[in-house]
Amino acid sequence: MLLAAAGAIAAAIFGDQALDIAREAGVPMAQMEGHEELGTLSAWLLAGMAALNTFFFRKQSMSKPLSLAVLFGGIVLLILLLTTAWFGGQLVYELGINVRA
């Protein structure tokens, strides 16, 4: 989970750099805002989930309801990540944003 959070934070940082490049090239922000918002939300939620898992791992105890809540949160987070990736794929592969000919 810590590695996933670190990867999401790195992706958000590099995504911001790519956004700046696209903005300078004249790409309308409306096409990129959804992906940017989902990416930022994903990074924050993954960092929170990593902190929560680290806390309970160190404590070495988690009640069954809390364990199920963490599992459900992980599934929701996975869906959010897949949605974010899908929008990012559309930006690159369908709209050609930041792709050199």
PDB file of N, CA and C in Angstrom:
ATOM      1  N   MET A   1       0.826  -1.187   0.000  1.00  0.00           N
ATOM      2  CA  MET A   1       0.000   0.000   0.000  1.00  0.00           C
ATOM      3  C   MET A   1       0.876   1.259   0.000  1.00  0.00           C
ATOM      4  N   LEU A   2       1.985   1.204   0.747  1.00  0.00           N
ATOM      5  CA  LEU A   2       2.891   2.350   0.755  1.00  0.00           C
ATOM      6  C   LEU A   2       3.499   2.596  -0.623  1.00  0.00           C
ATOM      7  N   LEU A   3       3.841   1.529  -1.317  1.00  0.00           N
ATOM      8  CA  LEU A   3       4.389   1.657  -2.665  1.00  0.00           C
ATOM      9  C   LEU A   3       3.348   2.223  -3.628  1.00  0.00           C
ATOM     10  N   ALA A   4       2.108   1.794  -3.490  1.00  0.00           N
ATOM     11  CA  ALA A   4       1.027   2.318  -4.333  1.00  0.00           C
ATOM     12  C   ALA A   4       0.820   3.807  -4.065  1.00  0.00           C
ATOM     13  N   ALA A   5       0.853   4.216  -2.813  1.00  0.00           N
ATOM     14  CA  ALA A   5       0.690   5.628  -2.475  1.00  0.00           C
ATOM     15  C   ALA A   5       1.845   6.453  -3.036  1.00  0.00           C
ATOM     16  N   ALA A   6       3.061   5.944  -2.906  1.00  0.00           N
ATOM     17  CA  ALA A   6       4.220   6.655  -3.453  1.00  0.00           C
ATOM     18  C   ALA A   6       4.114   6.774  -4.972  1.00  0.00           C
ATOM     19  N   GLY A   7       3.669   5.709  -5.622  1.00  0.00           N
ATOM     20  CA  GLY A   7       3.486   5.748  -7.079  1.00  0.00           C
ATOM     21  C   GLY A   7       2.417   6.732  -7.497  1.00  0.00           C
ATOM     22  N   ALA A   8       1.329   6.805  -6.749  1.00  0.00           N
ATOM     23  CA  ALA A   8       0.248   7.745  -7.066  1.00  0.00           C
ATOM     24  C   ALA A   8       0.709   9.185  -6.871  1.00  0.00           C
ATOM     25  N   ILE A   9       1.479   9.435  -5.837  1.00  0.00           N
ATOM     26  CA  ILE A   9       1.988  10.781  -5.613  1.00  0.00           C
ATOM     27  C   ILE A   9       2.963  11.175  -6.720  1.00  0.00           C
ATOM     28  N   ALA A  10       3.834  10.245  -7.117  1.00  0.00           N
ATOM     29  CA  ALA A  10       4.753  10.515  -8.227  1.00  0.00           C
ATOM     30  C   ALA A  10       3.981  10.759  -9.526  1.00  0.00           C
ATOM     31  N   ALA A  11       2.944   9.975  -9.771  1.00  0.00           N
ATOM     32  CA  ALA A  11       2.130  10.169 -10.978  1.00  0.00           C
ATOM     33  C   ALA A  11       1.446  11.528 -10.966  1.00  0.00           C
ATOM     34  N   ALA A  12       0.983  11.963  -9.804  1.00  0.00           N
ATOM     35  CA  ALA A  12       0.342  13.281  -9.700  1.00  0.00           C
ATOM     36  C   ALA A  12       1.348  14.393  -9.979  1.00  0.00           C
ATOM     37  N   ILE A  13       2.564  14.250  -9.485  1.00  0.00           N
ATOM     38  CA  ILE A  13       3.601  15.264  -9.720  1.00  0.00           C
ATOM     39  C   ILE A  13       3.938  15.338 -11.213  1.00  0.00           C
ATOM     40  N   PHE A  14       4.191  14.186 -11.836  1.00  0.00           N
ATOM     41  CA  PHE A  14       4.511  14.181 -13.263  1.00  0.00           C
ATOM     42  C   PHE A  14       3.306  14.574 -14.113  1.00  0.00           C
ATOM     43  N   GLY A  15       2.115  14.259 -13.634  1.00  0.00           N
ATOM     44  CA  GLY A  15       0.910  14.672 -14.339  1.00  0.00           C
ATOM     45  C   GLY A  15       0.752  16.182 -14.333  1.00  0.00           C
ATOM     46  N   ASP A  16       1.096  16.823 -13.226  1.00  0.00           N
ATOM     47  CA  ASP A  16       1.057  18.288 -13.180  1.00  0.00           C
ATOM     48  C   ASP A  16       2.038  18.898 -14.180  1.00  0.00           C
ATOM     49  N   GLN A  17       3.197  18.278 -14.316  1.00  0.00           N
ATOM     50  CA  GLN A  17       4.171  18.758 -15.295  1.00  0.00           C
ATOM     51  C   GLN A  17       3.634  18.582 -16.717  1.00  0.00           C
ATOM     52  N   ALA A  18       3.006  17.453 -16.982  1.00  0.00           N
ATOM     53  CA  ALA A  18       2.425  17.216 -18.303  1.00  0.00           C
ATOM     54  C   ALA A  18       1.281  18.186 -18.584  1.00  0.00           C
ATOM     55  N   LEU A  19       0.519  18.518 -17.548  1.00  0.00           N
ATOM     56  CA  LEU A  19      -0.564  19.486 -17.687  1.00  0.00           C
ATOM     57  C   LEU A  19      -0.018  20.853 -18.089  1.00  0.00           C
ATOM     58  N   ASP A  20       1.091  21.264 -17.485  1.00  0.00           N
ATOM     59  CA  ASP A  20       1.705  22.540 -17.839  1.00  0.00           C
ATOM     60  C   ASP A  20       2.157  22.555 -19.298  1.00  0.00           C
ATOM     61  N   ILE A  21       2.731  21.455 -19.752  1.00  0.00           N
ATOM     62  CA  ILE A  21       3.176  21.352 -21.144  1.00  0.00           C
ATOM     63  C   ILE A  21       1.980  21.441 -22.089  1.00  0.00           C
ATOM     64  N   ALA A  22       0.916  20.738 -21.757  1.00  0.00           N
ATOM     65  CA  ALA A  22      -0.279  20.753 -22.601  1.00  0.00           C
ATOM     66  C   ALA A  22      -0.917  22.143 -22.611  1.00  0.00           C
ATOM     67  N   ARG A  23      -0.932  22.800 -21.463  1.00  0.00           N
ATOM     68  CA  ARG A  23      -1.506  24.150 -21.377  1.00  0.00           C
ATOM     69  C   ARG A  23      -0.715  25.113 -22.258  1.00  0.00           C
ATOM     70  N   GLU A  24       0.612  25.018 -22.222  1.00  0.00           N
ATOM     71  CA  GLU A  24       1.466  25.873 -23.053  1.00  0.00           C
ATOM     72  C   GLU A  24       1.256  25.594 -24.541  1.00  0.00           C
ATOM     73  N   ALA A  25       0.886  24.348 -24.875  1.00  0.00           N
ATOM     74  CA  ALA A  25       0.635  23.985 -26.272  1.00  0.00           C
ATOM     75  C   ALA A  25      -0.752  24.426 -26.733  1.00  0.00           C
ATOM     76  N   GLY A  26      -1.553  24.956 -25.810  1.00  0.00           N
ATOM     77  CA  GLY A  26      -2.864  25.468 -26.185  1.00  0.00           C
ATOM     78  C   GLY A  26      -4.005  24.480 -26.061  1.00  0.00           C
ATOM     79  N   VAL A  27      -3.789  23.378 -25.364  1.00  0.00           N
ATOM     80  CA  VAL A  27      -4.861  22.394 -25.172  1.00  0.00           C
ATOM     81  C   VAL A  27      -5.863  22.959 -24.163  1.00  0.00           C
ATOM     82  N   PRO A  28      -7.162  22.905 -24.471  1.00  0.00           N
ATOM     83  CA  PRO A  28      -8.159  23.425 -23.524  1.00  0.00           C
ATOM     84  C   PRO A  28      -8.142  22.633 -22.214  1.00  0.00           C
ATOM     85  N   MET A  29      -8.234  23.372 -21.119  1.00  0.00           N
ATOM     86  CA  MET A  29      -8.196  22.750 -19.795  1.00  0.00           C
ATOM     87  C   MET A  29      -9.387  21.836 -19.543  1.00  0.00           C
ATOM     88  N   ALA A  30     -10.520  22.103 -20.169  1.00  0.00           N
ATOM     89  CA  ALA A  30     -11.726  21.307 -19.920  1.00  0.00           C
ATOM     90  C   ALA A  30     -11.488  19.828 -20.190  1.00  0.00           C
ATOM     91  N   GLN A  31     -10.634  19.525 -21.149  1.00  0.00           N
ATOM     92  CA  GLN A  31     -10.369  18.128 -21.481  1.00  0.00           C
ATOM     93  C   GLN A  31      -9.496  17.427 -20.451  1.00  0.00           C
ATOM     94  N   MET A  32      -8.779  18.203 -19.669  1.00  0.00           N
ATOM     95  CA  MET A  32      -7.827  17.601 -18.735  1.00  0.00           C
ATOM     96  C   MET A  32      -8.241  17.711 -17.272  1.00  0.00           C
ATOM     97  N   GLU A  33      -9.202  18.562 -16.961  1.00  0.00           N
ATOM     98  CA  GLU A  33      -9.560  18.812 -15.568  1.00  0.00           C
ATOM     99  C   GLU A  33     -10.088  17.576 -14.838  1.00  0.00           C
ATOM    100  N   GLY A  34     -10.921  16.797 -15.498  1.00  0.00           N
ATOM    101  CA  GLY A  34     -11.469  15.600 -14.852  1.00  0.00           C
ATOM    102  C   GLY A  34     -10.391  14.620 -14.448  1.00  0.00           C
ATOM    103  N   HIS A  35      -9.444  14.392 -15.363  1.00  0.00           N
ATOM    104  CA  HIS A  35      -8.359  13.464 -15.065  1.00  0.00           C
ATOM    105  C   HIS A  35      -7.484  13.998 -13.932  1.00  0.00           C
ATOM    106  N   GLU A  36      -7.224  15.299 -13.963  1.00  0.00           N
ATOM    107  CA  GLU A  36      -6.398  15.902 -12.915  1.00  0.00           C
ATOM    108  C   GLU A  36      -7.071  15.773 -11.543  1.00  0.00           C
ATOM    109  N   GLU A  37      -8.364  16.055 -11.472  1.00  0.00           N
ATOM    110  CA  GLU A  37      -9.077  15.964 -10.197  1.00  0.00           C
ATOM    111  C   GLU A  37      -9.117  14.532  -9.677  1.00  0.00           C
ATOM    112  N   LEU A  38      -9.383  13.576 -10.568  1.00  0.00           N
ATOM    113  CA  LEU A  38      -9.414  12.171 -10.148  1.00  0.00           C
ATOM    114  C   LEU A  38      -8.030  11.703  -9.698  1.00  0.00           C
ATOM    115  N   GLY A  39      -6.997  12.139 -10.400  1.00  0.00           N
ATOM    116  CA  GLY A  39      -5.632  11.755 -10.025  1.00  0.00           C
ATOM    117  C   GLY A  39      -5.226  12.294  -8.666  1.00  0.00           C
ATOM    118  N   THR A  40      -5.571  13.544  -8.411  1.00  0.00           N
ATOM    119  CA  THR A  40      -5.255  14.139  -7.116  1.00  0.00           C
ATOM    120  C   THR A  40      -6.029  13.442  -5.995  1.00  0.00           C
ATOM    121  N   LEU A  41      -7.312  13.187  -6.236  1.00  0.00           N
ATOM    122  CA  LEU A  41      -8.128  12.476  -5.247  1.00  0.00           C
ATOM    123  C   LEU A  41      -7.571  11.078  -4.985  1.00  0.00           C
ATOM    124  N   SER A  42      -7.175  10.386  -6.038  1.00  0.00           N
ATOM    125  CA  SER A  42      -6.602   9.039  -5.895  1.00  0.00           C
ATOM    126  C   SER A  42      -5.339   9.063  -5.050  1.00  0.00           C
ATOM    127  N   ALA A  43      -4.472  10.033  -5.317  1.00  0.00           N
ATOM    128  CA  ALA A  43      -3.211  10.121  -4.569  1.00  0.00           C
ATOM    129  C   ALA A  43      -3.479  10.364  -3.084  1.00  0.00           C
ATOM    130  N   TRP A  44      -4.395  11.281  -2.770  1.00  0.00           N
ATOM    131  CA  TRP A  44      -4.704  11.566  -1.368  1.00  0.00           C
ATOM    132  C   TRP A  44      -5.344  10.364  -0.678  1.00  0.00           C
ATOM    133  N   LEU A  45      -6.283   9.722  -1.358  1.00  0.00           N
ATOM    134  CA  LEU A  45      -6.949   8.561  -0.747  1.00  0.00           C
ATOM    135  C   LEU A  45      -5.984   7.393  -0.552  1.00  0.00           C
ATOM    136  N   LEU A  46      -5.101   7.177  -1.518  1.00  0.00           N
ATOM    137  CA  LEU A  46      -4.106   6.110  -1.361  1.00  0.00           C
ATOM    138  C   LEU A  46      -3.163   6.414  -0.198  1.00  0.00           C
ATOM    139  N   ALA A  47      -2.769   7.663  -0.063  1.00  0.00           N
ATOM    140  CA  ALA A  47      -1.901   8.030   1.064  1.00  0.00           C
ATOM    141  C   ALA A  47      -2.628   7.799   2.392  1.00  0.00           C
ATOM    142  N   GLY A  48      -3.900   8.158   2.450  1.00  0.00           N
ATOM    143  CA  GLY A  48      -4.684   7.914   3.663  1.00  0.00           C
ATOM    144  C   GLY A  48      -4.850   6.446   3.963  1.00  0.00           C
ATOM    145  N   MET A  49      -5.119   5.664   2.915  1.00  0.00           N
ATOM    146  CA  MET A  49      -5.276   4.217   3.093  1.00  0.00           C
ATOM    147  C   MET A  49      -3.962   3.585   3.542  1.00  0.00           C
ATOM    148  N   ALA A  50      -2.850   4.057   2.993  1.00  0.00           N
ATOM    149  CA  ALA A  50      -1.539   3.546   3.406  1.00  0.00           C
ATOM    150  C   ALA A  50      -1.270   3.872   4.877  1.00  0.00           C
ATOM    151  N   ALA A  51      -1.612   5.085   5.292  1.00  0.00           N
ATOM    152  CA  ALA A  51      -1.423   5.464   6.692  1.00  0.00           C
ATOM    153  C   ALA A  51      -2.296   4.611   7.606  1.00  0.00           C
ATOM    154  N   LEU A  52      -3.535   4.398   7.206  1.00  0.00           N
ATOM    155  CA  LEU A  52      -4.448   3.573   7.999  1.00  0.00           C
ATOM    156  C   LEU A  52      -3.940   2.141   8.103  1.00  0.00           C
ATOM    157  N   ASN A  53      -3.514   1.573   6.987  1.00  0.00           N
ATOM    158  CA  ASN A  53      -2.994   0.205   7.012  1.00  0.00           C
ATOM    159  C   ASN A  53      -1.721   0.096   7.833  1.00  0.00           C
ATOM    160  N   THR A  54      -0.858   1.109   7.732  1.00  0.00           N
ATOM    161  CA  THR A  54       0.383   1.097   8.510  1.00  0.00           C
ATOM    162  C   THR A  54       0.089   1.160  10.005  1.00  0.00           C
ATOM    163  N   PHE A  55      -0.869   2.010  10.380  1.00  0.00           N
ATOM    164  CA  PHE A  55      -1.252   2.132  11.791  1.00  0.00           C
ATOM    165  C   PHE A  55      -1.746   0.792  12.326  1.00  0.00           C
ATOM    166  N   PHE A  56      -2.649   0.145  11.603  1.00  0.00           N
ATOM    167  CA  PHE A  56      -3.201  -1.116  12.095  1.00  0.00           C
ATOM    168  C   PHE A  56      -2.219  -2.277  11.965  1.00  0.00           C
ATOM    169  N   PHE A  57      -1.298  -2.197  11.019  1.00  0.00           N
ATOM    170  CA  PHE A  57      -0.270  -3.224  10.913  1.00  0.00           C
ATOM    171  C   PHE A  57       0.654  -3.161  12.123  1.00  0.00           C
ATOM    172  N   ARG A  58       1.019  -1.946  12.505  1.00  0.00           N
ATOM    173  CA  ARG A  58       1.889  -1.783  13.675  1.00  0.00           C
ATOM    174  C   ARG A  58       1.165  -2.189  14.949  1.00  0.00           C
ATOM    175  N   LYS A  59      -0.112  -1.898  15.021  1.00  0.00           N
ATOM    176  CA  LYS A  59      -0.919  -2.246  16.188  1.00  0.00           C
ATOM    177  C   LYS A  59      -1.202  -3.752  16.228  1.00  0.00           C
ATOM    178  N   GLN A  60      -1.183  -4.390  15.074  1.00  0.00           N
ATOM    179  CA  GLN A  60      -1.404  -5.819  14.886  1.00  0.00           C
ATOM    180  C   GLN A  60      -2.770  -6.272  15.375  1.00  0.00           C
ATOM    181  N   SER A  61      -3.742  -5.389  15.229  1.00  0.00           N
ATOM    182  CA  SER A  61      -5.103  -5.802  15.548  1.00  0.00           C
ATOM    183  C   SER A  61      -6.079  -4.928  14.774  1.00  0.00           C
ATOM    184  N   MET A  62      -7.081  -5.597  14.249  1.00  0.00           N
ATOM    185  CA  MET A  62      -8.123  -4.894  13.525  1.00  0.00           C
ATOM    186  C   MET A  62      -9.404  -5.692  13.694  1.00  0.00           C
ATOM    187  N   SER A  63     -10.465  -5.019  14.094  1.00  0.00           N
ATOM    188  CA  SER A  63     -11.734  -5.712  14.271  1.00  0.00           C
ATOM    189  C   SER A  63     -12.290  -6.130  12.913  1.00  0.00           C
ATOM    190  N   LYS A  64     -13.185  -7.116  12.937  1.00  0.00           N
ATOM    191  CA  LYS A  64     -13.763  -7.604  11.691  1.00  0.00           C
ATOM    192  C   LYS A  64     -14.525  -6.511  10.937  1.00  0.00           C
ATOM    193  N   PRO A  65     -15.373  -5.697  11.600  1.00  0.00           N
ATOM    194  CA  PRO A  65     -16.061  -4.628  10.861  1.00  0.00           C
ATOM    195  C   PRO A  65     -15.090  -3.621  10.238  1.00  0.00           C
ATOM    196  N   LEU A  66     -14.036  -3.278  10.963  1.00  0.00           N
ATOM    197  CA  LEU A  66     -13.051  -2.348  10.424  1.00  0.00           C
ATOM    198  C   LEU A  66     -12.294  -2.979   9.262  1.00  0.00           C
ATOM    199  N   SER A  67     -12.004  -4.243   9.389  1.00  0.00           N
ATOM    200  CA  SER A  67     -11.330  -4.963   8.318  1.00  0.00           C
ATOM    201  C   SER A  67     -12.184  -4.980   7.045  1.00  0.00           C
ATOM    202  N   LEU A  68     -13.482  -5.196   7.217  1.00  0.00           N
ATOM    203  CA  LEU A  68     -14.387  -5.169   6.065  1.00  0.00           C
ATOM    204  C   LEU A  68     -14.496  -3.768   5.477  1.00  0.00           C
ATOM    205  N   ALA A  69     -14.472  -2.757   6.325  1.00  0.00           N
ATOM    206  CA  ALA A  69     -14.521  -1.373   5.847  1.00  0.00           C
ATOM    207  C   ALA A  69     -13.273  -1.040   5.031  1.00  0.00           C
ATOM    208  N   VAL A  70     -12.123  -1.497   5.483  1.00  0.00           N
ATOM    209  CA  VAL A  70     -10.876  -1.277   4.751  1.00  0.00           C
ATOM    210  C   VAL A  70     -10.922  -2.017   3.414  1.00  0.00           C
ATOM    211  N   LEU A  71     -11.444  -3.225   3.409  1.00  0.00           N
ATOM    212  CA  LEU A  71     -11.588  -3.979   2.166  1.00  0.00           C
ATOM    213  C   LEU A  71     -12.515  -3.246   1.189  1.00  0.00           C
ATOM    214  N   PHE A  72     -13.664  -2.783   1.668  1.00  0.00           N
ATOM    215  CA  PHE A  72     -14.600  -2.050   0.826  1.00  0.00           C
ATOM    216  C   PHE A  72     -13.956  -0.757   0.312  1.00  0.00           C
ATOM    217  N   GLY A  73     -13.236  -0.061   1.182  1.00  0.00           N
ATOM    218  CA  GLY A  73     -12.535   1.154   0.767  1.00  0.00           C
ATOM    219  C   GLY A  73     -11.493   0.873  -0.304  1.00  0.00           C
ATOM    220  N   GLY A  74     -10.818  -0.250  -0.174  1.00  0.00           N
ATOM    221  CA  GLY A  74      -9.836  -0.642  -1.178  1.00  0.00           C
ATOM    222  C   GLY A  74     -10.477  -0.922  -2.529  1.00  0.00           C
ATOM    223  N   ILE A  75     -11.645  -1.543  -2.512  1.00  0.00           N
ATOM    224  CA  ILE A  75     -12.356  -1.820  -3.761  1.00  0.00           C
ATOM    225  C   ILE A  75     -12.810  -0.518  -4.417  1.00  0.00           C
ATOM    226  N   VAL A  76     -13.338   0.396  -3.618  1.00  0.00           N
ATOM    227  CA  VAL A  76     -13.749   1.707  -4.144  1.00  0.00           C
ATOM    228  C   VAL A  76     -12.541   2.446  -4.709  1.00  0.00           C
ATOM    229  N   LEU A  77     -11.429   2.381  -4.011  1.00  0.00           N
ATOM    230  CA  LEU A  77     -10.210   3.028  -4.462  1.00  0.00           C
ATOM    231  C   LEU A  77      -9.709   2.414  -5.771  1.00  0.00           C
ATOM    232  N   LEU A  78      -9.807   1.114  -5.901  1.00  0.00           N
ATOM    233  CA  LEU A  78      -9.419   0.448  -7.139  1.00  0.00           C
ATOM    234  C   LEU A  78     -10.275   0.936  -8.310  1.00  0.00           C
ATOM    235  N   ILE A  79     -11.570   1.057  -8.098  1.00  0.00           N
ATOM    236  CA  ILE A  79     -12.463   1.559  -9.146  1.00  0.00           C
ATOM    237  C   ILE A  79     -12.089   2.998  -9.511  1.00  0.00           C
ATOM    238  N   LEU A  80     -11.772   3.804  -8.508  1.00  0.00           N
ATOM    239  CA  LEU A  80     -11.360   5.183  -8.756  1.00  0.00           C
ATOM    240  C   LEU A  80     -10.068   5.215  -9.575  1.00  0.00           C
ATOM    241  N   LEU A  81      -9.107   4.379  -9.242  1.00  0.00           N
ATOM    242  CA  LEU A  81      -7.847   4.338  -9.982  1.00  0.00           C
ATOM    243  C   LEU A  81      -8.050   3.901 -11.425  1.00  0.00           C
ATOM    244  N   LEU A  82      -8.898   2.901 -11.633  1.00  0.00           N
ATOM    245  CA  LEU A  82      -9.174   2.446 -12.997  1.00  0.00           C
ATOM    246  C   LEU A  82      -9.868   3.525 -13.815  1.00  0.00           C
ATOM    247  N   THR A  83     -10.772   4.261 -13.192  1.00  0.00           N
ATOM    248  CA  THR A  83     -11.453   5.355 -13.874  1.00  0.00           C
ATOM    249  C   THR A  83     -10.460   6.458 -14.237  1.00  0.00           C
ATOM    250  N   THR A  84      -9.573   6.787 -13.310  1.00  0.00           N
ATOM    251  CA  THR A  84      -8.551   7.795 -13.567  1.00  0.00           C
ATOM    252  C   THR A  84      -7.653   7.365 -14.724  1.00  0.00           C
ATOM    253  N   ALA A  85      -7.241   6.117 -14.727  1.00  0.00           N
ATOM    254  CA  ALA A  85      -6.393   5.600 -15.803  1.00  0.00           C
ATOM    255  C   ALA A  85      -7.127   5.624 -17.140  1.00  0.00           C
ATOM    256  N   TRP A  86      -8.414   5.320 -17.132  1.00  0.00           N
ATOM    257  CA  TRP A  86      -9.194   5.332 -18.371  1.00  0.00           C
ATOM    258  C   TRP A  86      -9.245   6.739 -18.958  1.00  0.00           C
ATOM    259  N   PHE A  87      -9.501   7.743 -18.112  1.00  0.00           N
ATOM    260  CA  PHE A  87      -9.517   9.127 -18.593  1.00  0.00           C
ATOM    261  C   PHE A  87      -8.141   9.552 -19.106  1.00  0.00           C
ATOM    262  N   GLY A  88      -7.094   9.136 -18.431  1.00  0.00           N
ATOM    263  CA  GLY A  88      -5.739   9.448 -18.890  1.00  0.00           C
ATOM    264  C   GLY A  88      -5.441   8.802 -20.231  1.00  0.00           C
ATOM    265  N   GLY A  89      -5.888   7.569 -20.413  1.00  0.00           N
ATOM    266  CA  GLY A  89      -5.715   6.902 -21.700  1.00  0.00           C
ATOM    267  C   GLY A  89      -6.449   7.628 -22.814  1.00  0.00           C
ATOM    268  N   GLN A  90      -7.635   8.122 -22.528  1.00  0.00           N
ATOM    269  CA  GLN A  90      -8.379   8.899 -23.523  1.00  0.00           C
ATOM    270  C   GLN A  90      -7.616  10.160 -23.916  1.00  0.00           C
ATOM    271  N   LEU A  91      -7.039  10.836 -22.942  1.00  0.00           N
ATOM    272  CA  LEU A  91      -6.291  12.052 -23.238  1.00  0.00           C
ATOM    273  C   LEU A  91      -5.139  11.785 -24.195  1.00  0.00           C
ATOM    274  N   VAL A  92      -4.422  10.702 -23.965  1.00  0.00           N
ATOM    275  CA  VAL A  92      -3.246  10.403 -24.772  1.00  0.00           C
ATOM    276  C   VAL A  92      -3.612   9.714 -26.082  1.00  0.00           C
ATOM    277  N   TYR A  93      -4.382   8.647 -26.016  1.00  0.00           N
ATOM    278  CA  TYR A  93      -4.600   7.805 -27.187  1.00  0.00           C
ATOM    279  C   TYR A  93      -5.729   8.263 -28.093  1.00  0.00           C
ATOM    280  N   GLU A  94      -6.720   8.961 -27.555  1.00  0.00           N
ATOM    281  CA  GLU A  94      -7.805   9.423 -28.402  1.00  0.00           C
ATOM    282  C   GLU A  94      -7.645  10.888 -28.801  1.00  0.00           C
ATOM    283  N   LEU A  95      -7.175  11.721 -27.853  1.00  0.00           N
ATOM    284  CA  LEU A  95      -7.044  13.146 -28.149  1.00  0.00           C
ATOM    285  C   LEU A  95      -5.625  13.533 -28.527  1.00  0.00           C
ATOM    286  N   GLY A  96      -4.655  12.650 -28.280  1.00  0.00           N
ATOM    287  CA  GLY A  96      -3.263  12.917 -28.663  1.00  0.00           C
ATOM    288  C   GLY A  96      -2.588  14.002 -27.856  1.00  0.00           C
ATOM    289  N   ILE A  97      -3.054  14.242 -26.642  1.00  0.00           N
ATOM    290  CA  ILE A  97      -2.461  15.300 -25.818  1.00  0.00           C
ATOM    291  C   ILE A  97      -1.051  14.900 -25.393  1.00  0.00           C
ATOM    292  N   ASN A  98      -0.103  15.829 -25.614  1.00  0.00           N
ATOM    293  CA  ASN A  98       1.314  15.648 -25.287  1.00  0.00           C
ATOM    294  C   ASN A  98       1.969  14.484 -26.035  1.00  0.00           C
ATOM    295  N   VAL A  99       1.484  14.190 -27.221  1.00  0.00           N
ATOM    296  CA  VAL A  99       2.083  13.152 -28.051  1.00  0.00           C
ATOM    297  C   VAL A  99       2.724  13.838 -29.243  1.00  0.00           C
ATOM    298  N   ARG A 100       3.985  13.589 -29.421  1.00  0.00           N
ATOM    299  CA  ARG A 100       4.698  14.195 -30.570  1.00  0.00           C
ATOM    300  C   ARG A 100       4.529  13.305 -31.784  1.00  0.00           C
ATOM    301  N   ALA A 101       4.353  13.946 -32.925  1.00  0.00           N
ATOM    302  CA  ALA A 101       4.200  13.208 -34.188  1.00  0.00           C
ATOM    303  C   ALA A 101       5.534  12.626 -34.620  1.00  0.00           C
TER     304      ALA A 101
END
